[in-house]
Amino acid sequence: FPGARSVSVVGSFNDWRPVSIPLEDRDHDGVWQAAVVLPTGTHEYMFVVDAERWVTDPLAGRYVDDGFGRQNALLFVRPETR
């Protein structure tokens, strides 16, 4: 998200709370990231840019209707294998 002042990830894993998982762009290249530990399963998510604009991940590949006329991205977390 080049030019963004802040980006958070929200989803089914954090009750869609916009400020609970902020992302960082340490080198100011427009690539925002964070490390998040999620339980096994399917998770819906979006990004919140500058605390107001909800954006679907364009690189997710899988989506589901969010019930509000938009699409939530889907993330599949598989069980850890040893």
PDB file of N, CA and C in Angstrom:
ATOM      1  N   PHE A   1       0.829  -1.180   0.000  1.00  0.00           N
ATOM      2  CA  PHE A   1       0.000   0.000   0.000  1.00  0.00           C
ATOM      3  C   PHE A   1       0.876   1.248   0.000  1.00  0.00           C
ATOM      4  N   PRO A   2       1.486   1.537  -1.121  1.00  0.00           N
ATOM      5  CA  PRO A   2       2.345   2.724  -1.199  1.00  0.00           C
ATOM      6  C   PRO A   2       1.577   3.987  -0.811  1.00  0.00           C
ATOM      7  N   GLY A   3       2.215   4.851  -0.037  1.00  0.00           N
ATOM      8  CA  GLY A   3       1.600   6.103   0.376  1.00  0.00           C
ATOM      9  C   GLY A   3       0.717   6.011   1.604  1.00  0.00           C
ATOM     10  N   ALA A   4       0.456   4.813   2.092  1.00  0.00           N
ATOM     11  CA  ALA A   4      -0.393   4.655   3.282  1.00  0.00           C
ATOM     12  C   ALA A   4       0.362   5.112   4.531  1.00  0.00           C
ATOM     13  N   ARG A   5      -0.365   5.677   5.476  1.00  0.00           N
ATOM     14  CA  ARG A   5       0.216   6.078   6.761  1.00  0.00           C
ATOM     15  C   ARG A   5       0.153   4.934   7.773  1.00  0.00           C
ATOM     16  N   SER A   6      -0.874   4.073   7.635  1.00  0.00           N
ATOM     17  CA  SER A   6      -1.011   2.922   8.528  1.00  0.00           C
ATOM     18  C   SER A   6      -1.802   1.828   7.817  1.00  0.00           C
ATOM     19  N   VAL A   7      -1.503   0.580   8.162  1.00  0.00           N
ATOM     20  CA  VAL A   7      -2.231  -0.573   7.633  1.00  0.00           C
ATOM     21  C   VAL A   7      -2.369  -1.586   8.767  1.00  0.00           C
ATOM     22  N   SER A   8      -3.570  -2.123   8.922  1.00  0.00           N
ATOM     23  CA  SER A   8      -3.832  -3.190   9.887  1.00  0.00           C
ATOM     24  C   SER A   8      -4.469  -4.353   9.145  1.00  0.00           C
ATOM     25  N   VAL A   9      -4.310  -5.552   9.689  1.00  0.00           N
ATOM     26  CA  VAL A   9      -5.023  -6.703   9.157  1.00  0.00           C
ATOM     27  C   VAL A   9      -6.135  -7.035  10.144  1.00  0.00           C
ATOM     28  N   VAL A  10      -7.318  -7.272   9.612  1.00  0.00           N
ATOM     29  CA  VAL A  10      -8.481  -7.602  10.431  1.00  0.00           C
ATOM     30  C   VAL A  10      -9.123  -8.853   9.864  1.00  0.00           C
ATOM     31  N   GLY A  11      -9.790  -9.595  10.715  1.00  0.00           N
ATOM     32  CA  GLY A  11     -10.441 -10.784  10.198  1.00  0.00           C
ATOM     33  C   GLY A  11     -11.178 -11.563  11.254  1.00  0.00           C
ATOM     34  N   SER A  12     -11.591 -12.740  10.835  1.00  0.00           N
ATOM     35  CA  SER A  12     -12.339 -13.628  11.721  1.00  0.00           C
ATOM     36  C   SER A  12     -11.496 -14.046  12.929  1.00  0.00           C
ATOM     37  N   PHE A  13     -10.188 -13.942  12.828  1.00  0.00           N
ATOM     38  CA  PHE A  13      -9.270 -14.355  13.890  1.00  0.00           C
ATOM     39  C   PHE A  13      -9.099 -13.288  14.972  1.00  0.00           C
ATOM     40  N   ASN A  14      -9.550 -12.038  14.740  1.00  0.00           N
ATOM     41  CA  ASN A  14      -9.440 -11.000  15.771  1.00  0.00           C
ATOM     42  C   ASN A  14     -10.729 -10.188  15.915  1.00  0.00           C
ATOM     43  N   ASP A  15     -11.852 -10.820  15.583  1.00  0.00           N
ATOM     44  CA  ASP A  15     -13.172 -10.182  15.698  1.00  0.00           C
ATOM     45  C   ASP A  15     -13.270  -8.888  14.895  1.00  0.00           C
ATOM     46  N   TRP A  16     -12.485  -8.790  13.805  1.00  0.00           N
ATOM     47  CA  TRP A  16     -12.541  -7.650  12.877  1.00  0.00           C
ATOM     48  C   TRP A  16     -12.204  -6.329  13.561  1.00  0.00           C
ATOM     49  N   ARG A  17     -11.332  -6.369  14.578  1.00  0.00           N
ATOM     50  CA  ARG A  17     -10.915  -5.152  15.280  1.00  0.00           C
ATOM     51  C   ARG A  17      -9.750  -4.496  14.528  1.00  0.00           C
ATOM     52  N   PRO A  18      -9.952  -3.311  13.964  1.00  0.00           N
ATOM     53  CA  PRO A  18      -8.961  -2.685  13.091  1.00  0.00           C
ATOM     54  C   PRO A  18      -7.614  -2.350  13.716  1.00  0.00           C
ATOM     55  N   VAL A  19      -7.527  -2.114  15.001  1.00  0.00           N
ATOM     56  CA  VAL A  19      -6.250  -1.683  15.572  1.00  0.00           C
ATOM     57  C   VAL A  19      -5.477  -2.791  16.271  1.00  0.00           C
ATOM     58  N   SER A  20      -5.997  -4.001  16.293  1.00  0.00           N
ATOM     59  CA  SER A  20      -5.353  -5.043  17.091  1.00  0.00           C
ATOM     60  C   SER A  20      -4.121  -5.657  16.428  1.00  0.00           C
ATOM     61  N   ILE A  21      -4.024  -5.624  15.090  1.00  0.00           N
ATOM     62  CA  ILE A  21      -2.842  -6.183  14.417  1.00  0.00           C
ATOM     63  C   ILE A  21      -2.326  -5.168  13.390  1.00  0.00           C
ATOM     64  N   PRO A  22      -1.526  -4.203  13.856  1.00  0.00           N
ATOM     65  CA  PRO A  22      -0.949  -3.243  12.913  1.00  0.00           C
ATOM     66  C   PRO A  22       0.180  -3.886  12.113  1.00  0.00           C
ATOM     67  N   LEU A  23       0.307  -3.477  10.867  1.00  0.00           N
ATOM     68  CA  LEU A  23       1.403  -3.927  10.015  1.00  0.00           C
ATOM     69  C   LEU A  23       2.469  -2.842   9.985  1.00  0.00           C
ATOM     70  N   GLU A  24       3.699  -3.216   9.596  1.00  0.00           N
ATOM     71  CA  GLU A  24       4.802  -2.265   9.530  1.00  0.00           C
ATOM     72  C   GLU A  24       5.389  -2.234   8.127  1.00  0.00           C
ATOM     73  N   ASP A  25       5.860  -1.060   7.743  1.00  0.00           N
ATOM     74  CA  ASP A  25       6.605  -0.876   6.497  1.00  0.00           C
ATOM     75  C   ASP A  25       7.926  -0.216   6.883  1.00  0.00           C
ATOM     76  N   ARG A  26       8.825  -1.016   7.429  1.00  0.00           N
ATOM     77  CA  ARG A  26      10.071  -0.492   8.009  1.00  0.00           C
ATOM     78  C   ARG A  26      10.963   0.227   7.007  1.00  0.00           C
ATOM     79  N   ASP A  27      11.020  -0.256   5.776  1.00  0.00           N
ATOM     80  CA  ASP A  27      11.917   0.372   4.792  1.00  0.00           C
ATOM     81  C   ASP A  27      11.177   1.310   3.837  1.00  0.00           C
ATOM     82  N   HIS A  28       9.901   1.559   4.108  1.00  0.00           N
ATOM     83  CA  HIS A  28       9.084   2.506   3.345  1.00  0.00           C
ATOM     84  C   HIS A  28       9.022   2.183   1.853  1.00  0.00           C
ATOM     85  N   ASP A  29       8.936   0.880   1.545  1.00  0.00           N
ATOM     86  CA  ASP A  29       8.839   0.461   0.145  1.00  0.00           C
ATOM     87  C   ASP A  29       7.401   0.153  -0.274  1.00  0.00           C
ATOM     88  N   GLY A  30       6.432   0.383   0.621  1.00  0.00           N
ATOM     89  CA  GLY A  30       5.033   0.119   0.302  1.00  0.00           C
ATOM     90  C   GLY A  30       4.596  -1.296   0.604  1.00  0.00           C
ATOM     91  N   VAL A  31       5.498  -2.136   1.112  1.00  0.00           N
ATOM     92  CA  VAL A  31       5.178  -3.512   1.496  1.00  0.00           C
ATOM     93  C   VAL A  31       5.034  -3.549   3.019  1.00  0.00           C
ATOM     94  N   TRP A  32       3.830  -3.854   3.469  1.00  0.00           N
ATOM     95  CA  TRP A  32       3.514  -3.874   4.892  1.00  0.00           C
ATOM     96  C   TRP A  32       3.488  -5.315   5.386  1.00  0.00           C
ATOM     97  N   GLN A  33       3.978  -5.547   6.620  1.00  0.00           N
ATOM     98  CA  GLN A  33       4.026  -6.923   7.118  1.00  0.00           C
ATOM     99  C   GLN A  33       3.916  -6.992   8.633  1.00  0.00           C
ATOM    100  N   ALA A  34       3.577  -8.186   9.102  1.00  0.00           N
ATOM    101  CA  ALA A  34       3.520  -8.507  10.529  1.00  0.00           C
ATOM    102  C   ALA A  34       3.579 -10.022  10.644  1.00  0.00           C
ATOM    103  N   ALA A  35       3.999 -10.496  11.786  1.00  0.00           N
ATOM    104  CA  ALA A  35       3.984 -11.929  12.074  1.00  0.00           C
ATOM    105  C   ALA A  35       2.803 -12.198  13.009  1.00  0.00           C
ATOM    106  N   VAL A  36       1.946 -13.127  12.599  1.00  0.00           N
ATOM    107  CA  VAL A  36       0.746 -13.442  13.371  1.00  0.00           C
ATOM    108  C   VAL A  36       0.625 -14.959  13.460  1.00  0.00           C
ATOM    109  N   VAL A  37       0.418 -15.473  14.652  1.00  0.00           N
ATOM    110  CA  VAL A  37       0.206 -16.898  14.848  1.00  0.00           C
ATOM    111  C   VAL A  37      -1.303 -17.143  14.842  1.00  0.00           C
ATOM    112  N   LEU A  38      -1.750 -18.005  13.920  1.00  0.00           N
ATOM    113  CA  LEU A  38      -3.177 -18.293  13.778  1.00  0.00           C
ATOM    114  C   LEU A  38      -3.435 -19.771  13.995  1.00  0.00           C
ATOM    115  N   PRO A  39      -4.609 -20.101  14.504  1.00  0.00           N
ATOM    116  CA  PRO A  39      -4.949 -21.516  14.661  1.00  0.00           C
ATOM    117  C   PRO A  39      -5.218 -22.161  13.300  1.00  0.00           C
ATOM    118  N   THR A  40      -5.117 -23.463  13.255  1.00  0.00           N
ATOM    119  CA  THR A  40      -5.437 -24.224  12.052  1.00  0.00           C
ATOM    120  C   THR A  40      -6.873 -23.943  11.643  1.00  0.00           C
ATOM    121  N   GLY A  41      -7.089 -23.806  10.344  1.00  0.00           N
ATOM    122  CA  GLY A  41      -8.440 -23.591   9.843  1.00  0.00           C
ATOM    123  C   GLY A  41      -8.483 -22.546   8.745  1.00  0.00           C
ATOM    124  N   THR A  42      -9.689 -22.159   8.375  1.00  0.00           N
ATOM    125  CA  THR A  42      -9.913 -21.159   7.339  1.00  0.00           C
ATOM    126  C   THR A  42     -10.254 -19.836   8.004  1.00  0.00           C
ATOM    127  N   HIS A  43      -9.595 -18.778   7.573  1.00  0.00           N
ATOM    128  CA  HIS A  43      -9.789 -17.452   8.158  1.00  0.00           C
ATOM    129  C   HIS A  43     -10.134 -16.455   7.057  1.00  0.00           C
ATOM    130  N   GLU A  44     -11.107 -15.587   7.319  1.00  0.00           N
ATOM    131  CA  GLU A  44     -11.443 -14.491   6.423  1.00  0.00           C
ATOM    132  C   GLU A  44     -10.709 -13.253   6.919  1.00  0.00           C
ATOM    133  N   TYR A  45     -10.253 -12.403   5.970  1.00  0.00           N
ATOM    134  CA  TYR A  45      -9.547 -11.194   6.388  1.00  0.00           C
ATOM    135  C   TYR A  45      -9.626 -10.096   5.331  1.00  0.00           C
ATOM    136  N   MET A  46      -9.316  -8.875   5.779  1.00  0.00           N
ATOM    137  CA  MET A  46      -9.173  -7.684   4.929  1.00  0.00           C
ATOM    138  C   MET A  46      -8.074  -6.823   5.547  1.00  0.00           C
ATOM    139  N   PHE A  47      -7.689  -5.784   4.829  1.00  0.00           N
ATOM    140  CA  PHE A  47      -6.769  -4.789   5.358  1.00  0.00           C
ATOM    141  C   PHE A  47      -7.536  -3.501   5.621  1.00  0.00           C
ATOM    142  N   VAL A  48      -7.115  -2.757   6.651  1.00  0.00           N
ATOM    143  CA  VAL A  48      -7.661  -1.431   6.908  1.00  0.00           C
ATOM    144  C   VAL A  48      -6.515  -0.440   6.707  1.00  0.00           C
ATOM    145  N   VAL A  49      -6.669   0.421   5.703  1.00  0.00           N
ATOM    146  CA  VAL A  49      -5.633   1.378   5.330  1.00  0.00           C
ATOM    147  C   VAL A  49      -5.998   2.745   5.893  1.00  0.00           C
ATOM    148  N   ASP A  50      -5.042   3.370   6.571  1.00  0.00           N
ATOM    149  CA  ASP A  50      -5.211   4.695   7.171  1.00  0.00           C
ATOM    150  C   ASP A  50      -6.442   4.774   8.066  1.00  0.00           C
ATOM    151  N   ALA A  51      -6.722   3.687   8.769  1.00  0.00           N
ATOM    152  CA  ALA A  51      -7.783   3.598   9.786  1.00  0.00           C
ATOM    153  C   ALA A  51      -9.191   3.814   9.247  1.00  0.00           C
ATOM    154  N   GLU A  52      -9.371   3.817   7.914  1.00  0.00           N
ATOM    155  CA  GLU A  52     -10.727   4.053   7.407  1.00  0.00           C
ATOM    156  C   GLU A  52     -11.081   3.276   6.154  1.00  0.00           C
ATOM    157  N   ARG A  53     -10.130   2.928   5.331  1.00  0.00           N
ATOM    158  CA  ARG A  53     -10.435   2.276   4.049  1.00  0.00           C
ATOM    159  C   ARG A  53     -10.199   0.773   4.166  1.00  0.00           C
ATOM    160  N   TRP A  54     -11.267  -0.018   4.019  1.00  0.00           N
ATOM    161  CA  TRP A  54     -11.183  -1.472   4.088  1.00  0.00           C
ATOM    162  C   TRP A  54     -10.892  -1.994   2.689  1.00  0.00           C
ATOM    163  N   VAL A  55      -9.810  -2.777   2.565  1.00  0.00           N
ATOM    164  CA  VAL A  55      -9.316  -3.215   1.258  1.00  0.00           C
ATOM    165  C   VAL A  55      -9.149  -4.733   1.255  1.00  0.00           C
ATOM    166  N   THR A  56      -9.685  -5.373   0.238  1.00  0.00           N
ATOM    167  CA  THR A  56      -9.499  -6.811   0.059  1.00  0.00           C
ATOM    168  C   THR A  56      -8.095  -7.073  -0.471  1.00  0.00           C
ATOM    169  N   ASP A  57      -7.447  -8.108   0.013  1.00  0.00           N
ATOM    170  CA  ASP A  57      -6.114  -8.477  -0.452  1.00  0.00           C
ATOM    171  C   ASP A  57      -6.193  -8.893  -1.920  1.00  0.00           C
ATOM    172  N   PRO A  58      -5.590  -8.123  -2.839  1.00  0.00           N
ATOM    173  CA  PRO A  58      -5.683  -8.465  -4.263  1.00  0.00           C
ATOM    174  C   PRO A  58      -4.879  -9.703  -4.640  1.00  0.00           C
ATOM    175  N   LEU A  59      -4.008 -10.172  -3.742  1.00  0.00           N
ATOM    176  CA  LEU A  59      -3.150 -11.323  -4.042  1.00  0.00           C
ATOM    177  C   LEU A  59      -3.605 -12.604  -3.359  1.00  0.00           C
ATOM    178  N   ALA A  60      -4.750 -12.580  -2.700  1.00  0.00           N
ATOM    179  CA  ALA A  60      -5.190 -13.737  -1.912  1.00  0.00           C
ATOM    180  C   ALA A  60      -5.489 -14.968  -2.764  1.00  0.00           C
ATOM    181  N   GLY A  61      -6.125 -14.781  -3.894  1.00  0.00           N
ATOM    182  CA  GLY A  61      -6.458 -15.931  -4.743  1.00  0.00           C
ATOM    183  C   GLY A  61      -7.788 -16.580  -4.442  1.00  0.00           C
ATOM    184  N   ARG A  62      -8.228 -16.569  -3.192  1.00  0.00           N
ATOM    185  CA  ARG A  62      -9.525 -17.138  -2.805  1.00  0.00           C
ATOM    186  C   ARG A  62     -10.285 -16.104  -2.005  1.00  0.00           C
ATOM    187  N   TYR A  63     -11.585 -15.994  -2.307  1.00  0.00           N
ATOM    188  CA  TYR A  63     -12.413 -14.971  -1.684  1.00  0.00           C
ATOM    189  C   TYR A  63     -13.785 -15.536  -1.337  1.00  0.00           C
ATOM    190  N   VAL A  64     -14.477 -14.820  -0.424  1.00  0.00           N
ATOM    191  CA  VAL A  64     -15.840 -15.160  -0.050  1.00  0.00           C
ATOM    192  C   VAL A  64     -16.609 -13.849   0.109  1.00  0.00           C
ATOM    193  N   ASP A  65     -17.885 -13.860  -0.257  1.00  0.00           N
ATOM    194  CA  ASP A  65     -18.722 -12.683  -0.117  1.00  0.00           C
ATOM    195  C   ASP A  65     -18.826 -12.311   1.360  1.00  0.00           C
ATOM    196  N   ASP A  66     -18.669 -11.023   1.683  1.00  0.00           N
ATOM    197  CA  ASP A  66     -18.699 -10.610   3.086  1.00  0.00           C
ATOM    198  C   ASP A  66     -20.084 -10.234   3.598  1.00  0.00           C
ATOM    199  N   GLY A  67     -21.100 -10.285   2.734  1.00  0.00           N
ATOM    200  CA  GLY A  67     -22.447  -9.938   3.141  1.00  0.00           C
ATOM    201  C   GLY A  67     -22.741  -8.450   3.095  1.00  0.00           C
ATOM    202  N   PHE A  68     -21.735  -7.640   2.740  1.00  0.00           N
ATOM    203  CA  PHE A  68     -21.895  -6.189   2.656  1.00  0.00           C
ATOM    204  C   PHE A  68     -21.540  -5.672   1.266  1.00  0.00           C
ATOM    205  N   GLY A  69     -21.518  -6.564   0.284  1.00  0.00           N
ATOM    206  CA  GLY A  69     -21.215  -6.160  -1.085  1.00  0.00           C
ATOM    207  C   GLY A  69     -19.743  -6.179  -1.449  1.00  0.00           C
ATOM    208  N   ARG A  70     -18.910  -6.693  -0.564  1.00  0.00           N
ATOM    209  CA  ARG A  70     -17.470  -6.798  -0.839  1.00  0.00           C
ATOM    210  C   ARG A  70     -17.028  -8.244  -0.721  1.00  0.00           C
ATOM    211  N   GLN A  71     -15.759  -8.461  -0.904  1.00  0.00           N
ATOM    212  CA  GLN A  71     -15.183  -9.797  -0.795  1.00  0.00           C
ATOM    213  C   GLN A  71     -14.142  -9.817   0.316  1.00  0.00           C
ATOM    214  N   ASN A  72     -14.206 -10.822   1.184  1.00  0.00           N
ATOM    215  CA  ASN A  72     -13.145 -11.082   2.152  1.00  0.00           C
ATOM    216  C   ASN A  72     -12.174 -12.061   1.519  1.00  0.00           C
ATOM    217  N   ALA A  73     -10.896 -11.844   1.764  1.00  0.00           N
ATOM    218  CA  ALA A  73      -9.888 -12.803   1.325  1.00  0.00           C
ATOM    219  C   ALA A  73      -9.926 -14.004   2.275  1.00  0.00           C
ATOM    220  N   LEU A  74      -9.531 -15.155   1.760  1.00  0.00           N
ATOM    221  CA  LEU A  74      -9.476 -16.376   2.567  1.00  0.00           C
ATOM    222  C   LEU A  74      -8.029 -16.809   2.766  1.00  0.00           C
ATOM    223  N   LEU A  75      -7.714 -17.212   3.988  1.00  0.00           N
ATOM    224  CA  LEU A  75      -6.397 -17.736   4.328  1.00  0.00           C
ATOM    225  C   LEU A  75      -6.613 -19.109   4.941  1.00  0.00           C
ATOM    226  N   PHE A  76      -5.897 -20.102   4.439  1.00  0.00           N
ATOM    227  CA  PHE A  76      -6.002 -21.471   4.927  1.00  0.00           C
ATOM    228  C   PHE A  76      -4.746 -21.803   5.721  1.00  0.00           C
ATOM    229  N   VAL A  77      -4.908 -22.118   7.004  1.00  0.00           N
ATOM    230  CA  VAL A  77      -3.788 -22.501   7.857  1.00  0.00           C
ATOM    231  C   VAL A  77      -3.869 -23.995   8.081  1.00  0.00           C
ATOM    232  N   ARG A  78      -2.834 -24.689   7.654  1.00  0.00           N
ATOM    233  CA  ARG A  78      -2.800 -26.142   7.786  1.00  0.00           C
ATOM    234  C   ARG A  78      -2.131 -26.550   9.094  1.00  0.00           C
ATOM    235  N   PRO A  79      -2.448 -27.733   9.588  1.00  0.00           N
ATOM    236  CA  PRO A  79      -1.792 -28.206  10.810  1.00  0.00           C
ATOM    237  C   PRO A  79      -0.294 -28.330  10.597  1.00  0.00           C
ATOM    238  N   GLU A  80       0.441 -28.092  11.657  1.00  0.00           N
ATOM    239  CA  GLU A  80       1.895 -28.225  11.601  1.00  0.00           C
ATOM    240  C   GLU A  80       2.273 -29.690  11.418  1.00  0.00           C
ATOM    241  N   THR A  81       3.196 -29.955  10.527  1.00  0.00           N
ATOM    242  CA  THR A  81       3.686 -31.323  10.320  1.00  0.00           C
ATOM    243  C   THR A  81       5.102 -31.426  10.860  1.00  0.00           C
ATOM    244  N   ARG A  82       5.398 -32.593  11.406  1.00  0.00           N
ATOM    245  CA  ARG A  82       6.731 -32.792  11.988  1.00  0.00           C
ATOM    246  C   ARG A  82       7.405 -33.960  11.367  1.00  0.00           C
TER     247      ARG A  82
END
